[in-house]
Amino acid sequence: FYRDTCPDAETIVKFTTARIYSDHKDVPAAILRLFFHDCFIKGCDASVFLNDSNENKSHRIERDAIPNKTLKGFDKIDMIKKELEKVCPGVVSCADTIALATRDGIVL
């Protein structure tokens, strides 16, 4: 799909992940754990990134679940997503961004 809609998507993710890794060697482990937690309940849909509580404390969000409270790397995925949005706005999903970043982080 991205070959036609955002041909540079994988390259952008690869190079941005590598740039982040050069400063933060722990990023691949954090992103892998983030990916695992996202995929653990009802599939890999980037739902762990959602914050739709609108400051309503009675509205539970996945990110606030006890196993997810110690997750790290949200800011790194946001950085990668920001680079993708510069080139292909609204094309590459958050779920695909984390999957590609996880793959590239593990390779590093």
Protein backbone atom coordinates (compact mmCIF):
# COMPACT_ATOMS: atom_id res chain seq x y z
CA PHE A 1 0.00 0.00 0.00
CA TYR A 2 2.69 2.50 1.00
CA ARG A 3 4.72 1.74 -2.11
CA ASP A 4 2.03 3.63 -4.01
CA THR A 5 0.78 6.13 -1.42
CA CYS A 6 3.98 7.06 0.44
CA PRO A 7 6.98 5.46 -1.25
CA ASP A 8 9.46 6.95 1.23
CA ALA A 9 7.60 5.76 4.34
CA GLU A 10 9.88 2.86 5.20
CA THR A 11 13.01 4.90 4.52
CA ILE A 12 11.75 7.74 6.72
CA VAL A 13 10.98 5.34 9.57
CA LYS A 14 14.32 3.57 9.17
CA PHE A 15 16.44 6.72 9.20
CA THR A 16 14.45 8.46 11.94
CA THR A 17 14.65 5.35 14.12
CA ALA A 18 18.40 5.16 13.49
CA ARG A 19 18.82 8.83 14.39
CA ILE A 20 16.90 8.32 17.63
CA TYR A 21 18.88 5.15 18.37
CA SER A 22 22.18 6.97 17.99
CA ASP A 23 21.26 9.08 21.04
CA HIS A 24 19.15 6.54 22.95
CA LYS A 25 20.38 2.94 22.77
CA ASP A 26 17.46 1.74 24.91
CA VAL A 27 14.85 2.77 22.34
CA PRO A 28 14.52 -0.58 20.51
CA ALA A 29 13.60 -2.36 23.75
CA ALA A 30 11.13 0.36 24.72
CA ILE A 31 9.46 0.35 21.31
CA LEU A 32 9.30 -3.46 21.23
CA ARG A 33 7.58 -3.45 24.61
CA LEU A 34 5.23 -0.70 23.44
CA PHE A 35 4.38 -2.74 20.33
CA PHE A 36 3.79 -5.87 22.42
CA HIS A 37 1.44 -4.06 24.78
CA ASP A 38 -0.43 -2.50 21.88
CA CYS A 39 -0.88 -5.87 20.17
CA PHE A 40 -1.67 -7.82 23.32
CA ILE A 41 -5.34 -6.80 23.58
CA LYS A 42 -7.49 -6.99 20.44
CA GLY A 43 -4.68 -6.63 17.91
CA CYS A 44 -2.07 -4.14 16.77
CA ASP A 45 -4.16 -1.02 16.32
CA ALA A 46 -2.15 1.71 18.10
CA SER A 47 -4.94 1.95 20.68
CA VAL A 48 -2.34 2.30 23.43
CA PHE A 49 -1.58 5.73 21.94
CA LEU A 50 -5.13 7.01 22.23
CA ASN A 51 -6.01 9.57 24.83
CA ASP A 52 -9.67 10.30 24.40
CA SER A 53 -10.44 10.87 28.06
CA ASN A 54 -10.67 14.66 27.64
CA GLU A 55 -9.43 14.94 31.23
CA ASN A 56 -12.41 12.87 32.41
CA LYS A 57 -10.93 10.71 35.20
CA SER A 58 -13.85 8.27 35.08
CA HIS A 59 -13.20 7.54 31.39
CA ARG A 60 -10.57 4.81 31.30
CA ILE A 61 -8.03 4.69 28.52
CA GLU A 62 -5.70 1.84 27.61
CA ARG A 63 -2.58 3.87 28.36
CA ASP A 64 -3.68 4.11 32.01
CA ALA A 65 -4.03 0.37 32.53
CA ILE A 66 -1.64 -0.88 35.22
CA PRO A 67 0.57 -2.91 32.83
CA ASN A 68 0.89 0.10 30.52
CA LYS A 69 1.80 2.72 33.12
CA THR A 70 5.53 2.03 32.75
CA LEU A 71 5.63 2.04 28.96
CA LYS A 72 8.21 4.29 27.36
CA GLY A 73 8.81 5.40 23.81
CA PHE A 74 5.57 7.24 23.05
CA ASP A 75 7.58 10.38 22.35
CA LYS A 76 9.90 8.49 19.99
CA ILE A 77 6.98 7.13 17.95
CA ASP A 78 5.55 10.65 17.89
CA MET A 79 8.87 11.91 16.47
CA ILE A 80 8.80 9.27 13.73
CA LYS A 81 5.15 9.97 12.96
CA LYS A 82 5.91 13.70 12.71
CA GLU A 83 8.58 13.01 10.06
CA LEU A 84 6.13 10.85 8.12
CA GLU A 85 3.46 13.53 8.28
CA LYS A 86 5.83 16.07 6.73
CA VAL A 87 6.11 13.95 3.58
CA CYS A 88 2.83 12.03 3.50
CA PRO A 89 0.22 13.78 5.64
CA GLY A 90 -2.59 11.53 6.78
CA VAL A 91 -1.31 8.45 4.96
CA VAL A 92 0.75 6.25 7.28
CA SER A 93 -1.20 4.90 10.23
CA CYS A 94 0.08 5.02 13.78
CA ALA A 95 -0.22 1.24 13.95
CA ASP A 96 2.03 0.84 10.92
CA THR A 97 4.44 3.45 12.23
CA ILE A 98 5.00 1.52 15.45
CA ALA A 99 5.29 -1.80 13.58
CA LEU A 100 7.91 -0.42 11.19
CA ALA A 101 9.81 1.35 13.99
CA THR A 102 9.83 -1.86 16.04
CA ARG A 103 11.21 -3.81 13.11
CA ASP A 104 13.90 -1.23 12.40
CA GLY A 105 14.79 -0.83 16.07
CA ILE A 106 15.32 -4.56 16.46
CA VAL A 107 17.57 -4.61 13.40
CA LEU A 108 19.67 -1.84 14.98
